Protein backbone atom coordinates (compact mmCIF):
# COMPACT_ATOMS: atom_id res chain seq x y z
CA MET A 1 139.13 117.66 56.52
CA ILE A 2 137.42 121.02 57.10
CA THR A 3 139.70 124.00 56.59
CA THR A 4 139.59 127.31 58.43
CA SER A 5 138.70 129.19 55.23
CA ALA A 6 135.77 126.84 54.65
CA ARG A 7 134.50 127.60 58.16
CA ARG A 8 134.70 131.34 57.50
CA ILE A 9 132.82 131.01 54.23
CA ALA A 10 130.10 129.04 56.04
CA ALA A 11 129.78 131.73 58.74
CA VAL A 12 129.49 134.49 56.13
CA LEU A 13 126.85 132.56 54.22
CA ALA A 14 124.76 132.03 57.34
CA ALA A 15 124.71 135.79 57.97
CA CYS A 16 124.26 137.21 54.49
CA LEU A 17 122.27 134.91 52.25
CA LEU A 18 118.62 135.66 51.61
CA ALA A 19 117.74 131.96 51.62
CA VAL A 20 119.19 128.50 51.16
CA LEU A 21 117.07 125.46 50.42
CA PRO A 22 118.33 121.89 50.20
CA ALA A 23 118.00 119.91 46.98
CA THR A 24 115.66 116.94 47.05
CA HIS A 25 116.45 113.43 45.89
CA ALA A 26 116.58 113.67 42.08
CA SER A 27 115.51 110.86 39.79
CA ALA A 28 118.09 108.66 38.14
CA ASP A 29 117.67 110.37 34.80
CA GLY A 30 117.93 113.80 36.44
CA GLY A 31 121.48 113.19 37.51
CA GLN A 32 121.47 116.04 39.99
CA ALA A 33 122.04 114.50 43.37
CA GLY A 34 121.84 110.75 43.01
CA THR A 35 120.69 109.23 46.25
CA GLY A 36 122.52 111.66 48.53
CA ARG A 37 121.65 115.05 49.91
CA THR A 38 123.11 118.30 48.71
CA THR A 39 123.20 121.96 49.66
CA PHE A 40 124.00 124.98 47.52
CA GLY A 41 124.25 128.72 48.07
CA VAL A 42 125.18 132.09 46.60
CA GLN A 43 127.37 134.94 47.85
CA PRO A 44 128.62 138.35 46.61
CA SER A 45 132.03 137.94 45.03
CA ALA A 46 134.94 139.68 43.40
CA ALA A 47 136.28 138.50 40.03
CA LYS A 48 138.68 135.99 41.61
CA LYS A 49 137.07 134.92 44.91
CA PRO A 50 134.08 135.62 47.15
CA ASP A 51 134.14 138.59 49.52
CA ALA A 52 132.51 139.31 52.87
CA ARG A 53 129.67 141.58 51.71
CA PRO A 54 126.32 140.63 53.27
CA ASN A 55 124.45 141.70 50.11
CA PHE A 56 124.79 143.79 46.94
CA SER A 57 124.32 147.48 47.79
CA TYR A 58 124.81 150.31 45.29
CA GLY A 59 124.20 154.05 44.95
CA ALA A 60 123.93 155.31 41.38
CA THR A 61 122.53 158.00 39.13
CA PRO A 62 120.05 157.37 36.28
CA GLY A 63 121.84 155.86 33.29
CA ALA A 64 124.73 154.40 35.35
CA LEU A 65 126.26 150.96 34.65
CA VAL A 66 127.43 148.72 37.52
CA LYS A 67 129.56 145.58 37.04
CA ASP A 68 129.87 142.91 39.72
CA HIS A 69 130.08 139.14 40.37
CA ILE A 70 128.19 136.46 42.27
CA ALA A 71 129.61 133.14 43.48
CA VAL A 72 127.48 129.97 43.29
CA PHE A 73 128.51 127.19 45.72
CA ASN A 74 127.87 123.43 45.61
CA TYR A 75 128.49 121.78 48.99
CA GLY A 76 127.30 118.36 47.88
CA THR A 77 129.20 115.34 46.57
CA LYS A 78 127.56 115.39 43.11
CA PRO A 79 127.78 118.07 40.41
CA LEU A 80 124.77 120.38 40.06
CA THR A 81 123.28 122.22 37.10
CA LEU A 82 121.63 125.37 38.43
CA ARG A 83 119.56 128.09 36.81
CA VAL A 84 120.69 131.65 37.71
CA TYR A 85 118.41 134.66 37.22
CA ALA A 86 117.45 138.07 38.68
CA GLN A 87 114.07 138.94 40.21
CA ASP A 88 112.23 141.81 41.95
CA ALA A 89 111.71 141.80 45.74
CA PHE A 90 108.61 142.40 47.88
CA THR A 91 107.60 142.49 51.54
CA THR A 92 105.63 139.46 52.71
CA ALA A 93 102.40 139.75 54.68
CA ASP A 94 104.23 139.26 57.99
CA GLY A 95 107.04 141.73 57.27
CA GLY A 96 109.64 139.40 55.75
CA PHE A 97 111.80 139.87 52.66
CA ASP A 98 111.09 137.66 49.63
CA LEU A 99 111.65 137.49 45.88
CA PHE A 100 108.90 136.90 43.35
CA ALA A 101 108.53 133.46 41.80
CA ALA A 102 110.40 132.59 38.62
CA ARG A 103 107.26 132.92 36.50
CA HIS A 104 106.84 136.57 37.56
CA ARG A 105 108.15 139.04 35.01
CA PRO A 106 110.42 141.58 36.77
CA THR A 107 109.71 145.27 36.18
CA ASP A 108 112.09 146.98 38.60
CA ALA A 109 115.63 146.20 39.80
CA GLY A 110 115.31 142.56 38.72
CA SER A 111 114.83 143.60 35.09
CA TRP A 112 117.92 145.83 35.17
CA ILE A 113 120.32 142.97 36.04
CA LYS A 114 121.85 140.89 33.22
CA LEU A 115 123.96 137.82 34.07
CA ARG A 116 126.61 136.49 31.71
CA LYS A 117 125.25 132.95 32.25
CA ASN A 118 121.72 131.90 33.04
CA GLN A 119 122.70 128.29 33.70
CA VAL A 120 125.85 127.03 35.43
CA LYS A 121 127.23 123.57 36.13
CA VAL A 122 128.94 123.54 39.52
CA PRO A 123 131.28 120.61 40.32
CA ALA A 124 130.99 118.82 43.66
CA ARG A 125 132.30 120.80 46.66
CA SER A 126 133.22 123.69 44.41
CA ARG A 127 132.07 127.13 43.25
CA VAL A 128 131.51 129.08 40.03
CA ILE A 129 131.77 132.88 39.79
CA VAL A 130 129.27 134.51 37.41
CA PRO A 131 129.74 138.15 36.23
CA PHE A 132 126.71 140.40 35.83
CA THR A 133 125.84 144.02 35.00
CA LEU A 134 123.22 146.35 36.46
CA THR A 135 122.09 149.09 34.08
CA VAL A 136 120.07 151.91 35.68
CA PRO A 137 117.49 153.32 33.20
CA ALA A 138 117.81 156.98 32.35
CA LYS A 139 114.25 157.56 33.60
CA ALA A 140 114.64 155.62 36.84
CA THR A 141 112.80 157.27 39.73
CA PRO A 142 114.79 158.44 42.77
CA GLY A 143 114.86 156.28 45.88
CA ASP A 144 115.31 152.59 46.68
CA HIS A 145 114.89 149.78 44.16
CA THR A 146 115.22 146.25 45.52
CA GLY A 147 115.69 142.84 43.96
CA GLY A 148 117.85 139.76 44.16
CA ILE A 149 119.86 137.18 42.22
CA VAL A 150 118.57 133.63 42.51
CA ALA A 151 120.11 130.22 41.92
CA SER A 152 117.47 127.49 41.58
CA LEU A 153 117.50 123.72 41.26
CA SER A 154 114.56 122.08 39.53
CA ALA A 155 113.78 118.42 40.04
CA ALA A 156 110.92 115.99 39.52
CA GLY A 157 109.42 114.06 42.39
CA ALA A 158 106.28 112.27 43.49
CA ASP A 159 103.91 112.63 46.42
CA LYS A 160 102.46 109.82 48.56
CA LYS A 161 99.79 109.08 45.98
CA GLY A 162 102.35 108.71 43.21
CA ASN A 163 101.47 111.99 41.49
CA LYS A 164 104.37 113.69 39.75
CA VAL A 165 105.29 117.08 41.14
CA ALA A 166 107.88 119.66 40.11
CA LEU A 167 110.14 120.98 42.88
CA ASP A 168 112.05 124.24 42.60
CA GLN A 169 114.55 125.00 45.40
CA ARG A 170 115.82 128.58 45.45
CA VAL A 171 118.83 130.37 46.91
CA GLY A 172 119.06 134.17 46.74
CA ALA A 173 121.27 137.17 47.47
CA ARG A 174 119.65 140.58 48.00
CA VAL A 175 120.34 143.58 45.73
CA TYR A 176 119.76 147.10 47.12
CA LEU A 177 120.00 150.03 44.69
CA ARG A 178 119.46 153.70 45.64
CA VAL A 179 118.98 156.06 42.69
CA ALA A 180 120.09 159.64 43.31
CA GLY A 181 117.39 162.29 43.73
CA ALA A 182 114.89 163.58 46.29
CA LEU A 183 114.26 161.04 49.07
CA THR A 184 110.84 160.97 50.76
CA PRO A 185 110.81 158.61 53.76
CA ARG A 186 107.17 158.30 54.77
CA LEU A 187 104.84 155.71 56.34
CA ALA A 188 101.04 155.62 56.73
CA VAL A 189 98.54 153.73 58.90
CA GLU A 190 95.48 152.40 57.07
CA ASP A 191 92.36 150.28 57.79
CA LEU A 192 92.46 150.63 61.59
CA ARG A 193 89.76 148.42 63.11
CA THR A 194 88.99 147.26 66.66
CA VAL A 195 86.64 144.43 67.67
CA TYR A 196 85.53 144.20 71.31
CA HIS A 197 85.10 140.77 72.96
CA GLY A 198 82.82 140.93 75.99
CA SER A 199 82.77 138.88 79.19
CA ALA A 200 79.98 136.92 80.92
CA ASN A 201 80.86 138.76 84.14
CA PRO A 202 78.54 141.82 84.32
CA PHE A 203 81.15 143.75 86.31
CA GLY A 204 84.24 142.46 84.48
CA THR A 205 86.31 143.80 81.62
CA GLY A 206 86.71 142.32 78.16
CA SER A 207 89.37 142.17 75.49
CA ALA A 208 89.83 143.70 72.05
CA THR A 209 91.52 142.75 68.78
CA VAL A 210 93.16 145.63 66.92
CA THR A 211 94.09 145.27 63.24
CA TYR A 212 95.68 147.81 60.92
CA THR A 213 97.98 148.13 57.92
CA VAL A 214 101.34 149.94 57.81
CA ARG A 215 102.17 151.11 54.28
CA ASN A 216 105.40 152.63 52.94
CA THR A 217 104.13 155.58 50.86
CA GLY A 218 107.60 157.05 50.30
CA ASN A 219 110.50 155.99 48.08
CA VAL A 220 112.95 154.74 50.76
CA ARG A 221 112.88 151.42 52.58
CA LEU A 222 112.21 152.01 56.29
CA ALA A 223 112.03 150.26 59.64
CA ALA A 224 109.39 151.24 62.19
CA HIS A 225 108.65 151.17 65.92
CA GLN A 226 104.93 150.71 66.59
CA THR A 227 102.76 151.34 69.65
CA VAL A 228 99.05 150.62 70.19
CA GLY A 229 96.89 152.14 72.95
CA VAL A 230 93.25 151.41 73.90
CA ARG A 231 91.25 153.85 76.07
CA ASP A 232 87.73 153.51 77.46
CA GLY A 233 85.14 156.26 77.64
CA LEU A 234 86.00 156.99 81.30
CA GLY A 235 89.68 157.67 80.61
CA GLY A 236 91.09 154.29 81.66
CA THR A 237 93.68 152.44 79.59
CA ALA A 238 93.83 148.76 78.64
CA GLU A 239 96.93 146.58 78.57
CA VAL A 240 98.20 145.91 75.04
CA ALA A 241 100.79 143.27 74.22
CA ARG A 242 104.06 144.79 73.04
CA LEU A 243 104.50 144.66 69.28
CA ARG A 244 107.75 143.81 67.54
CA ASP A 245 109.47 146.47 65.48
CA LEU A 246 109.18 146.24 61.70
CA PRO A 247 112.74 145.55 60.44
CA GLU A 248 112.24 146.55 56.80
CA LEU A 249 109.35 147.78 54.66
CA LEU A 250 110.05 148.31 50.95
CA PRO A 251 108.63 151.34 49.09
CA GLY A 252 105.01 150.78 48.06
CA ASP A 253 104.62 147.63 50.18
CA SER A 254 102.47 147.13 53.28
CA VAL A 255 102.25 144.88 56.34
CA SER A 256 99.11 143.86 58.24
CA VAL A 257 99.46 143.99 62.04
CA THR A 258 97.26 142.43 64.75
CA ALA A 259 97.44 143.44 68.43
CA LYS A 260 95.59 142.05 71.47
CA ALA A 261 94.34 144.26 74.33
CA THR A 262 93.09 142.99 77.70
CA GLY A 263 91.30 144.76 80.54
CA VAL A 264 89.07 146.80 78.20
CA LEU A 265 86.20 148.45 80.09
CA PRO A 266 83.00 148.44 77.97
CA ALA A 267 82.00 152.10 78.13
CA PHE A 268 79.95 152.04 74.90
CA ARG A 269 82.38 154.35 73.07
CA ASP A 270 86.08 153.43 73.44
CA THR A 271 89.03 154.57 71.29
CA THR A 272 92.13 152.98 69.78
CA SER A 273 95.28 154.88 68.79
CA VAL A 274 98.20 153.58 66.71
CA THR A 275 101.56 155.39 66.65
CA ILE A 276 104.27 154.57 64.11
CA ASP A 277 107.79 156.00 64.47
CA PRO A 278 109.70 155.55 61.16
CA GLU A 279 113.39 154.66 61.51
CA PRO A 280 116.23 154.05 59.05
CA VAL A 281 116.85 150.42 58.16
CA ARG A 282 119.82 148.94 59.99
CA GLY A 283 122.99 149.93 58.16
CA ASP A 284 121.32 152.75 56.19
CA ILE A 285 122.16 156.44 56.49
CA GLN A 286 120.39 158.61 59.07
CA HIS A 287 117.60 160.44 57.25
CA ARG A 288 116.23 163.79 58.25
CA ILE A 289 113.85 163.80 61.21
CA LEU A 290 111.10 161.41 60.18
CA PRO A 291 107.51 162.44 61.01
CA ARG A 292 105.62 160.33 63.56
CA VAL A 293 102.37 158.84 62.27
CA THR A 294 99.37 158.58 64.62
CA ARG A 295 95.85 157.41 63.86
CA THR A 296 92.91 157.22 66.26
CA GLU A 297 89.56 155.48 65.73
CA ALA A 298 86.54 154.94 67.99
CA PHE A 299 84.86 151.56 68.43
CA THR A 300 81.72 150.26 70.14
CA ALA A 301 82.06 148.29 73.39
CA VAL A 302 78.61 147.39 74.74
CA PRO A 303 78.39 145.77 78.24
CA TRP A 304 75.71 143.26 77.22
CA ALA A 305 76.05 141.16 80.38
CA PHE A 306 75.64 144.21 82.63
CA LEU A 307 72.61 145.44 80.66
CA ALA A 308 71.02 141.99 80.90
CA LEU A 309 71.57 141.91 84.66
CA LEU A 310 70.16 145.42 85.03
CA LEU A 311 67.07 144.50 83.03
CA ALA A 312 66.59 141.33 85.08
CA VAL A 313 66.75 143.30 88.35
CA LEU A 314 64.28 145.85 87.01
CA ALA A 315 61.90 143.14 85.87
CA ALA A 316 62.13 141.40 89.23
CA ALA A 317 61.39 144.69 91.03
CA VAL A 318 58.33 145.39 88.87
CA THR A 319 57.08 141.83 89.38
CA PHE A 320 57.46 142.17 93.15
CA VAL A 321 55.43 145.39 93.16
CA LEU A 322 52.71 143.76 91.06
CA ILE A 323 52.47 140.80 93.44
CA ARG A 324 52.11 143.06 96.49
CA ARG A 325 49.42 145.17 94.82
CA ARG A 326 47.43 142.13 93.72
CA ARG A 327 47.57 140.62 97.19
CA ARG A 328 46.36 143.90 98.68
CA ARG A 329 43.56 144.07 96.13
CA ASN A 330 42.58 140.46 96.75
CA THR A 331 41.86 141.24 100.40
CA GLN A 332 39.37 143.93 99.32
CA SER A 333 37.66 142.26 96.35
CA ALA A 334 35.75 139.04 95.67
CA PRO A 335 37.83 135.85 95.81
CA VAL A 336 36.49 134.54 92.49
CA ARG A 337 37.60 137.59 90.55
CA SER A 338 41.18 137.69 91.78
CA ALA A 339 41.99 134.08 92.61
CA SER A 340 44.32 133.55 89.66
CA ARG A 341 46.10 136.92 89.79
CA PRO A 342 48.78 135.98 92.37
CA LYS A 343 49.50 132.81 90.43
CA GLN A 344 49.96 134.83 87.22
CA ALA A 345 52.32 137.23 88.98
CA VAL A 346 54.35 134.36 90.45
CA GLY A 347 54.58 132.71 87.03
CA LEU A 348 55.66 136.02 85.50
CA ALA A 349 58.38 136.44 88.13
CA ALA A 350 59.64 132.90 87.54
CA ALA A 351 59.79 133.41 83.75
CA THR A 352 61.60 136.71 84.19
CA LEU A 353 64.25 135.28 86.52
CA LEU A 354 64.67 132.24 84.24
CA ALA A 355 65.32 134.52 81.24
CA ALA A 356 67.77 136.62 83.24
CA GLY A 357 69.61 133.45 84.32
CA ALA A 358 69.84 132.36 80.69
CA VAL A 359 71.43 135.69 79.75
CA VAL A 360 73.83 136.08 82.68
CA GLY A 361 74.71 132.49 83.53
CA GLY A 362 74.43 130.81 80.15
CA THR A 363 76.50 133.20 78.07
CA PRO A 364 79.47 131.47 76.51
CA VAL A 365 82.76 133.21 77.29
CA ASP A 366 85.17 131.80 74.75
CA ALA A 367 85.28 129.09 72.15
CA ARG A 368 87.24 126.01 73.19
CA ALA A 369 90.79 126.14 72.10
CA ALA A 370 92.24 123.40 69.93
CA ASP A 371 93.18 120.24 71.86
CA ALA A 372 96.86 120.15 72.77
CA GLY A 373 99.13 117.15 72.35
CA LYS A 374 102.75 116.32 73.02
CA LEU A 375 105.64 116.52 70.61
CA ALA A 376 108.70 114.28 70.89
CA VAL A 377 112.04 116.06 70.37
CA SER A 378 114.76 113.70 69.23
CA PRO A 379 117.50 113.25 70.02
CA ALA A 380 116.67 114.16 73.63
CA LYS A 381 120.26 115.35 74.13
CA GLY A 382 122.50 117.01 71.59
CA SER A 383 124.30 120.12 70.38
CA ASP A 384 123.16 123.30 68.63
CA THR A 385 124.57 121.98 65.32
CA GLN A 386 122.77 118.63 65.48
CA PRO A 387 119.70 117.92 63.29
CA ILE A 388 116.42 117.66 65.23
CA THR A 389 113.31 115.65 64.42
CA LEU A 390 109.84 116.50 65.82
CA THR A 391 107.31 113.65 66.15
CA ALA A 392 103.68 114.19 67.20
CA GLU A 393 102.18 111.67 69.59
CA ALA A 394 99.02 111.39 67.47
CA PRO A 395 97.88 112.21 63.91
CA CYS A 396 96.36 115.58 63.01
CA PRO A 397 92.53 115.75 62.95
CA ALA A 398 90.74 114.49 59.84
CA LYS A 399 90.04 117.95 58.39
CA THR A 400 93.68 119.08 58.56
CA ALA A 401 95.06 120.34 55.23
CA ASN A 402 98.30 122.12 56.20
CA VAL A 403 100.81 122.17 59.05
CA ILE A 404 103.10 124.89 60.44
CA ALA A 405 105.72 124.83 63.23
CA ARG A 406 107.44 127.51 65.30
CA VAL A 407 109.96 127.78 68.13
CA THR A 408 109.78 130.16 71.12
CA GLY A 409 112.29 131.00 73.82
CA ALA A 410 115.02 133.46 74.81
CA GLY A 411 116.25 135.42 71.80
CA PHE A 412 113.39 134.58 69.43
CA PRO A 413 110.51 136.99 68.68
CA ARG A 414 107.62 137.10 71.17
CA GLY A 415 105.31 135.29 68.76
CA GLY A 416 107.97 132.69 67.96
CA GLN A 417 110.05 132.02 64.86
CA ILE A 418 108.57 129.77 62.20
CA VAL A 419 110.80 126.75 61.52
CA VAL A 420 108.44 124.87 59.18
CA GLY A 421 106.46 126.95 56.73
CA ASN A 422 102.76 126.62 55.93
CA ALA A 423 103.04 123.31 54.07
CA PRO A 424 100.51 120.67 52.92
CA LEU A 425 99.96 117.82 55.36
CA ALA A 426 101.17 115.32 52.73
CA THR A 427 104.62 116.96 52.80
CA TYR A 428 105.60 115.02 55.93
CA GLY A 429 105.40 111.31 56.63
CA LYS A 430 103.37 109.64 59.38
CA VAL A 431 105.17 107.57 62.01
CA PRO A 432 103.40 104.21 62.61
CA GLY A 433 101.60 104.27 65.95
CA ALA A 434 102.10 108.04 66.31
CA GLY A 435 101.56 111.18 64.22
CA LEU A 436 103.58 113.42 61.90
CA GLY A 437 107.34 113.11 61.82
CA ILE A 438 109.01 116.41 60.86
CA PRO A 439 112.81 116.53 60.41
CA LEU A 440 113.81 120.20 60.82
CA THR A 441 115.67 121.58 57.82
CA TYR A 442 118.12 123.61 59.92
CA THR A 443 119.83 123.39 63.30
CA MET A 444 119.17 125.46 66.42
CA ARG A 445 122.30 127.51 65.72
CA ASP A 446 120.92 128.37 62.26
CA TYR A 447 117.57 129.50 63.68
CA ALA A 448 119.34 131.61 66.32
CA SER A 449 121.52 133.22 63.63
CA THR A 450 118.40 134.03 61.58
CA ALA A 451 116.81 135.70 64.63
CA GLY A 452 119.96 137.79 65.23
CA PHE A 453 121.57 136.18 68.28
CA THR A 454 124.26 133.56 68.95
CA THR A 455 123.87 132.28 72.53
CA LEU A 456 121.12 129.72 73.18
CA ARG A 457 120.04 129.53 76.82
CA GLY A 458 117.16 128.13 78.82
CA THR A 459 114.13 126.26 77.50
CA TYR A 460 112.93 126.43 73.88
CA THR A 461 109.48 125.16 72.96
CA PHE A 462 108.41 123.83 69.56
CA THR A 463 104.74 123.99 68.51
CA VAL A 464 103.33 122.12 65.49
CA SER A 465 99.84 123.34 64.49
CA CYS A 466 97.38 121.39 62.33
CA LEU A 467 95.64 123.99 60.11
CA LYS A 468 92.38 123.78 58.18
CA GLY A 469 94.02 125.11 55.02
CA PRO A 470 96.87 127.24 53.60
CA PHE A 471 94.83 130.44 54.00
CA ASP A 472 92.83 129.42 57.10
CA PRO A 473 94.96 129.95 60.27
CA THR A 474 92.46 128.06 62.46
CA SER A 475 94.38 125.40 64.40
CA LEU A 476 92.53 122.12 64.81
CA ARG A 477 95.17 120.77 67.20
CA ASP A 478 98.58 121.85 68.52
CA PHE A 479 101.46 119.59 69.55
CA THR A 480 104.20 121.00 71.81
CA GLY A 481 107.60 119.78 72.93
CA SER A 482 110.73 121.44 74.33
CA LEU A 483 114.44 121.15 74.96
CA ARG A 484 116.73 122.99 77.39
CA PHE A 485 120.19 124.44 76.87
CA ALA A 486 121.90 123.89 80.22
CA GLN A 487 125.38 124.76 78.94
CA LYS A 488 126.92 126.47 75.95
CA ASN A 489 126.16 124.81 72.58
CA ALA A 490 124.56 121.74 74.22
CA TYR A 491 120.98 120.90 75.12
CA ARG A 492 119.22 118.18 77.11
CA ASP A 493 115.81 117.32 78.55
CA GLY A 494 114.19 117.05 75.12
CA THR A 495 110.52 116.13 75.46
CA GLU A 496 110.00 112.38 75.20
CA VAL A 497 106.70 110.76 74.19
CA ALA A 498 105.72 107.10 74.28
CA LEU A 499 106.32 106.27 70.61
CA PRO A 500 106.92 102.89 68.93
CA LYS A 501 110.44 101.67 69.73
CA LYS A 502 111.27 100.91 66.11
CA ALA A 503 109.48 103.86 64.57
CA PRO A 504 111.38 104.91 61.43
CA VAL A 505 112.78 108.43 61.25
CA PRO A 506 110.59 110.27 58.71
CA GLN A 507 112.05 112.15 55.79
CA SER A 508 110.34 115.16 54.27
CA PRO A 509 109.60 114.62 50.58
CA ALA A 510 109.66 118.37 50.02
CA ALA A 511 113.11 119.29 51.29
CA SER A 512 116.14 117.96 53.16
CA THR A 513 119.60 119.20 53.89
CA THR A 514 122.96 118.23 55.28
CA PRO A 515 125.34 120.33 57.32
CA GLY A 516 127.77 122.47 55.41
CA PRO A 517 131.51 122.57 55.99
CA SER A 518 131.13 123.88 59.52
CA GLY A 519 128.42 121.44 60.49
CA GLN A 520 125.67 123.99 59.82
CA SER A 521 123.17 124.47 57.04
CA GLN A 522 124.16 127.29 54.79
CA GLY A 523 122.20 130.54 54.61
CA LEU A 524 118.86 131.74 55.86
CA PRO A 525 115.44 130.10 55.37
CA VAL A 526 113.37 131.02 52.31
CA PRO A 527 109.89 132.43 53.04
CA ALA A 528 106.94 130.11 52.68
CA PRO A 529 104.51 130.33 49.73
CA THR A 530 102.68 133.61 49.37
CA GLU A 531 100.06 134.82 46.93
CA GLN A 532 102.73 136.67 44.98
CA GLY A 533 105.52 134.10 45.14
CA GLY A 534 103.42 131.03 44.59
CA ASP A 535 105.98 128.45 43.46
CA VAL A 536 108.30 128.53 46.48
CA PRO A 537 108.44 124.86 47.55
CA PRO A 538 106.53 123.42 50.47
CA GLY A 539 108.41 123.03 53.71
CA SER A 540 110.29 126.30 53.31
CA VAL A 541 110.56 128.52 56.36
CA VAL A 542 108.83 131.85 56.87
CA PRO A 543 110.89 134.75 58.32
CA PRO A 544 110.12 135.62 61.97
CA GLY A 545 107.13 137.83 62.31
CA SER A 546 103.97 138.45 64.03
CA ALA A 547 101.51 135.69 63.97
CA PRO A 548 98.56 135.87 61.48
CA ALA A 549 95.30 137.39 62.67
CA ASP A 550 93.16 134.97 64.70
CA THR A 551 90.00 134.77 62.60
CA ALA A 552 88.44 132.28 65.02
CA ALA A 553 88.36 134.95 67.75
CA ALA A 554 85.19 136.39 66.25
CA ALA A 555 83.17 133.24 67.12
CA PRO A 556 82.94 133.84 70.91
CA GLU A 557 82.01 137.49 70.34
CA THR A 558 79.22 136.51 67.90
CA ALA A 559 77.84 133.91 70.32
CA LEU A 560 78.06 136.35 73.23
CA THR A 561 76.15 139.02 71.33
CA ALA A 562 73.50 136.56 70.14
CA TRP A 563 72.85 135.17 73.66
CA SER A 564 72.82 138.61 75.24
CA VAL A 565 70.47 140.18 72.67
CA THR A 566 68.10 137.18 72.89
CA GLY A 567 68.03 137.33 76.70
CA PHE A 568 67.54 141.09 76.60
CA GLY A 569 64.54 140.61 74.35
CA VAL A 570 63.01 137.90 76.56
CA CYS A 571 63.40 140.05 79.68
CA LEU A 572 61.88 143.05 77.88
CA LEU A 573 58.92 140.92 76.78
CA ALA A 574 58.41 139.66 80.34
CA LEU A 575 58.51 143.22 81.66
CA ALA A 576 55.95 144.35 79.07
CA THR A 577 53.65 141.44 80.03
CA GLY A 578 53.85 142.41 83.69
CA VAL A 579 53.00 146.02 82.90
CA ALA A 580 50.03 144.89 80.79
CA LEU A 581 48.68 142.78 83.66
CA TRP A 582 49.09 145.71 86.05
CA VAL A 583 47.16 148.02 83.70
CA ARG A 584 44.47 145.40 83.29
CA GLY A 585 44.11 145.13 87.04
CA ARG A 586 43.78 148.90 87.40
CA ARG A 587 41.05 148.99 84.81
CA ALA A 588 39.22 146.13 86.50
CA ARG A 589 39.24 147.99 89.83
CA SER A 590 37.98 151.16 88.22
CA GLU A 591 35.02 149.29 86.75
């Protein structure tokens, strides 16, 4: 029977943990979880019992010694042997908080923490409290130093091909330390670039992709409000999609940002401006007035389609004049000498108009987007604490290497919240007669809690993207499905797809979980693999953030430029030929 205290502990864990990952099925000789599922977590604690702190936060002077405790929970039905260690923190590429992998040697706050035990055995449905000390070096620099304490479960498994793989599931609690001294909150904007994407309409506007990097050059972790503006050479402004605020940027770290602008008038020399307003991180003290950071860069926006049309009109006008002059000359000269001239002029006009048509009418506008498919959401009716499985109606394309999934709707970030991290395709099983079957690790209530809200309302859409590779965001095909919350804590109208009636429910070989004491998974999702934290397991969930830069967007612009420049050259050549014929005719008359 679930007690009230257990429910409170579960609620605190869901709000304060850095990450909770489920343990996988361990082998018989591992003795970790048997054939069942298990969940474990960590939480700040006093010497006797856990407390309600969301994280470890300290203020100290160089040389200080801090003593504290951390509680390690086992919510499963089998005892667990967990490794406990400290590690440094970093900001992920999309603005999330993560800890370095176990193989990384800590050099900052992670190296200052010493735990009394580095390995604990936690009985089933129980907890163990581990004391630790944090010793601030005498030469520690002023400002913020960030790390975390991690509990990890290592297990051996096998992929579909029977290859042995090592799985390491991690759970972490954040550690924030501020060393006394001069604080310098400061941000900078670097590598501002804008790429213009033209339109086949000679009188239309195009779009632009703006990329830049926000770097924390001070010694205090900061949040930031960011604004992007695009202006053309005539003073007009383009419409730029609103960017999300950066919730936390650690000292020395940076985040790459991509913004899309529409309605950009190609006036040859347009400008882009980026404004960053630094703000204290939620819960931190109010710093002195923080300086606004603004950076402006010019970029080239050439109206190739308009220039091609203008050249075609000019060529047609010159050809028309040549035809009239030749006809007038033919009435005054011998028929033999000028019989072929009108035909040459007509052929020249036809070639010119044909080239102009190739430039204006044949210019590709955009590359075809990835084919879309449907995604079955099961069960079609349920509650916000009920596990959900996503099943694609068809397999991913042959060249797919990785998959990623996100959810969008009221309360979640504009770009959606990632619910399945960038994981290899082999991580998830294939449903006979259909495509991938992805059981979500957490419930809708958990994802809402991670995004910072509690009430689910309206329609929420899931999108599973088939990617070319872990570092190639190009989507070969997307599958979408949705569900609708018509009343509090309950949803219905989950997307249904014609799947085999007896299709088995797939299980992810990388990770699985069961609800905790309150019917929810415990804690927040762990970020997906990054270049710095390489051994975080597949199937982990990336914190909400802006979507990666769309590298495929450059293809339409390259094709557009190539077609336009080629057509421009053909029209110019036709015009030069017409002028040469006109000069030749003048010389012939003078002779």
